[in-house]
Amino acid sequence: LGATVSSLYPADIDKGRLVLNIAAQIFGDTGSAVLGVVVGLACLTTGVAVVGATATFFSTVSKGKWPYKVVVTVTCLFSAITANFGLNTIISLAVPILTFVYPGVLVVVLLSLFDSSIKNDNIFKFLFFDMITIFFQQREKECFLCCIDFQSIDNIL
């Protein structure tokens, strides 16, 4: 979709507004309404799942010191406050965190498909931390390359 409308919108357009405009341009008002319902339902189901998983995790880890209902309430309040930051701000905050966690989680999820074949659970921990280490090494390279002024090097040579 982006290739078909990239020349129609400025580069700094809000991501949510861009998706809505593309849907409206391609599918009309009905497409915009369907997009709104689909995104709303997707956000609702994802939100319920994340709140439930968060509450279960923290109430289990705290061995009941943080009751499930309290964690649900706090998580919902936190989410309501965070939602007011706007989509672009939330994305800019989430991307570094997800970029850090995603490789390790992906490995653990893939390994869990073969859980019955894996006898030693330490393989999960080892590969998770290995992926995190690779992430840091990659970030270090990117940061190093960003700091190099290649134009100055070309002038010296």
Protein backbone atom coordinates (compact mmCIF):
# COMPACT_ATOMS: atom_id res chain seq x y z
CA LEU A 1 0.00 0.00 0.00
CA GLY A 2 2.78 2.42 0.86
CA ALA A 3 4.28 2.26 -2.62
CA THR A 4 0.99 3.24 -4.24
CA VAL A 5 0.44 6.36 -2.11
CA SER A 6 3.94 7.39 -0.98
CA SER A 7 3.93 10.53 -3.11
CA LEU A 8 0.52 11.68 -1.81
CA TYR A 9 1.39 12.22 1.86
CA PRO A 10 4.21 14.03 3.65
CA ALA A 11 6.90 11.93 5.33
CA ASP A 12 6.03 13.25 8.79
CA ILE A 13 2.36 12.22 8.72
CA ASP A 14 1.04 10.44 11.82
CA LYS A 15 1.10 6.65 11.27
CA GLY A 16 -2.50 6.17 12.36
CA ARG A 17 -3.71 8.97 10.11
CA LEU A 18 -1.72 7.51 7.20
CA VAL A 19 -3.31 4.06 7.52
CA LEU A 20 -6.76 5.63 7.79
CA ASN A 21 -6.18 7.83 4.73
CA ILE A 22 -4.91 4.89 2.67
CA ALA A 23 -7.92 2.78 3.63
CA ALA A 24 -10.28 5.64 2.79
CA GLN A 25 -8.57 6.27 -0.55
CA ILE A 26 -8.59 2.63 -1.64
CA PHE A 27 -11.83 1.34 -0.08
CA GLY A 28 -13.85 4.52 0.53
CA ASP A 29 -15.86 5.36 3.64
CA THR A 30 -16.89 1.73 4.11
CA GLY A 31 -13.21 0.73 4.17
CA SER A 32 -12.51 3.33 6.84
CA ALA A 33 -15.37 2.03 8.97
CA VAL A 34 -14.27 -1.60 8.55
CA LEU A 35 -10.68 -0.62 9.39
CA GLY A 36 -11.91 1.13 12.54
CA VAL A 37 -13.90 -1.93 13.68
CA VAL A 38 -11.05 -4.35 12.89
CA VAL A 39 -8.41 -2.23 14.64
CA GLY A 40 -10.73 -1.67 17.61
CA LEU A 41 -11.40 -5.39 18.03
CA ALA A 42 -7.72 -6.26 17.55
CA CYS A 43 -6.72 -3.72 20.20
CA LEU A 44 -9.42 -4.92 22.57
CA THR A 45 -8.48 -8.59 22.36
CA THR A 46 -4.75 -7.80 22.58
CA GLY A 47 -5.33 -5.48 25.53
CA VAL A 48 -7.39 -8.05 27.43
CA ALA A 49 -4.77 -10.73 26.80
CA VAL A 50 -1.85 -8.51 27.85
CA VAL A 51 -3.63 -7.29 30.99
CA GLY A 52 -4.58 -10.85 31.95
CA ALA A 53 -1.08 -12.20 31.29
CA THR A 54 0.52 -9.33 33.20
CA ALA A 55 -1.76 -9.82 36.19
CA THR A 56 -1.23 -13.58 36.20
CA PHE A 57 2.54 -13.17 35.95
CA PHE A 58 2.89 -10.62 38.74
CA SER A 59 0.44 -12.29 41.08
CA THR A 60 2.21 -15.63 40.55
CA VAL A 61 5.74 -14.22 40.91
CA SER A 62 4.76 -12.30 44.06
CA LYS A 63 3.07 -15.45 45.41
CA GLY A 64 -0.18 -13.59 45.97
CA LYS A 65 1.29 -10.49 47.60
CA TRP A 66 0.01 -8.56 44.60
CA PRO A 67 -3.55 -9.80 44.09
CA TYR A 68 -4.70 -10.45 40.53
CA LYS A 69 -7.45 -7.79 40.68
CA VAL A 70 -5.06 -5.13 41.97
CA VAL A 71 -2.54 -5.84 39.19
CA VAL A 72 -5.35 -5.73 36.61
CA THR A 73 -6.50 -2.35 37.94
CA VAL A 74 -2.99 -0.88 38.02
CA THR A 75 -2.23 -2.21 34.53
CA CYS A 76 -5.46 -0.75 33.14
CA LEU A 77 -4.76 2.64 34.75
CA PHE A 78 -1.19 2.61 33.41
CA SER A 79 -2.51 1.71 29.95
CA ALA A 80 -5.15 4.46 30.04
CA ILE A 81 -2.51 7.05 30.91
CA THR A 82 -0.03 5.73 28.33
CA ALA A 83 -2.70 5.73 25.59
CA ASN A 84 -2.87 9.53 25.87
CA PHE A 85 0.75 9.90 24.75
CA GLY A 86 -0.25 9.24 21.14
CA LEU A 87 0.61 6.47 18.70
CA ASN A 88 3.94 7.89 17.50
CA THR A 89 5.22 8.36 21.06
CA ILE A 90 4.15 4.87 22.10
CA ILE A 91 5.84 3.38 19.04
CA SER A 92 9.04 5.35 19.67
CA LEU A 93 9.10 4.06 23.26
CA ALA A 94 8.20 0.47 22.39
CA VAL A 95 10.52 -0.16 19.44
CA PRO A 96 13.81 -0.17 21.40
CA ILE A 97 12.32 -2.45 24.06
CA LEU A 98 10.81 -4.85 21.54
CA THR A 99 13.95 -4.82 19.41
CA PHE A 100 15.92 -5.85 22.50
CA VAL A 101 13.53 -8.58 23.69
CA TYR A 102 12.24 -9.96 20.38
CA PRO A 103 15.25 -12.08 19.25
CA GLY A 104 15.46 -13.93 22.57
CA VAL A 105 11.72 -14.44 22.83
CA LEU A 106 11.58 -15.70 19.24
CA VAL A 107 14.22 -18.33 20.04
CA VAL A 108 12.36 -19.45 23.18
CA VAL A 109 9.06 -19.70 21.28
CA LEU A 110 10.67 -21.72 18.47
CA LEU A 111 12.38 -24.01 20.97
CA SER A 112 9.11 -24.52 22.83
CA LEU A 113 7.75 -26.17 19.68
CA PHE A 114 10.30 -28.91 20.30
CA ASP A 115 9.90 -28.91 24.08
CA SER A 116 9.31 -32.65 24.30
CA SER A 117 12.58 -33.32 22.44
CA ILE A 118 14.69 -31.00 24.58
CA LYS A 119 15.78 -32.75 27.76
CA ASN A 120 17.77 -29.92 29.34
CA ASP A 121 15.96 -26.63 30.03
CA ASN A 122 19.28 -24.79 30.20
CA ILE A 123 19.30 -24.67 26.39
CA PHE A 124 16.40 -22.18 26.59
CA LYS A 125 18.35 -19.89 28.94
CA PHE A 126 21.60 -20.22 27.00
CA LEU A 127 20.05 -19.39 23.62
CA PHE A 128 17.96 -16.56 25.05
CA PHE A 129 21.00 -14.87 26.54
CA ASP A 130 23.03 -15.67 23.43
CA MET A 131 20.49 -13.83 21.30
CA ILE A 132 20.58 -10.87 23.70
CA THR A 133 24.38 -10.82 23.43
CA ILE A 134 24.18 -10.86 19.63
CA PHE A 135 21.71 -7.98 19.85
CA PHE A 136 24.15 -5.89 21.89
CA GLN A 137 27.02 -6.70 19.53
CA GLN A 138 24.91 -5.65 16.55
CA ARG A 139 23.86 -2.40 18.27
CA GLU A 140 27.49 -1.69 19.11
CA LYS A 141 28.47 -2.06 15.45
CA GLU A 142 25.60 0.18 14.33
CA CYS A 143 26.50 2.81 16.91
CA PHE A 144 30.15 2.67 15.89
CA LEU A 145 29.27 3.03 12.21
CA CYS A 146 26.93 5.96 12.97
CA CYS A 147 29.75 7.83 14.70
CA ILE A 148 32.15 7.54 11.76
CA ASP A 149 32.27 10.51 9.42
CA PHE A 150 32.89 8.71 6.13
CA GLN A 151 33.14 12.02 4.21
CA SER A 152 36.11 13.07 6.34
CA ILE A 153 37.80 9.73 5.76
CA ASP A 154 37.32 10.09 2.01
CA ASN A 155 38.88 13.56 2.14
CA ILE A 156 41.90 12.24 4.04
CA LEU A 157 42.43 9.41 1.57
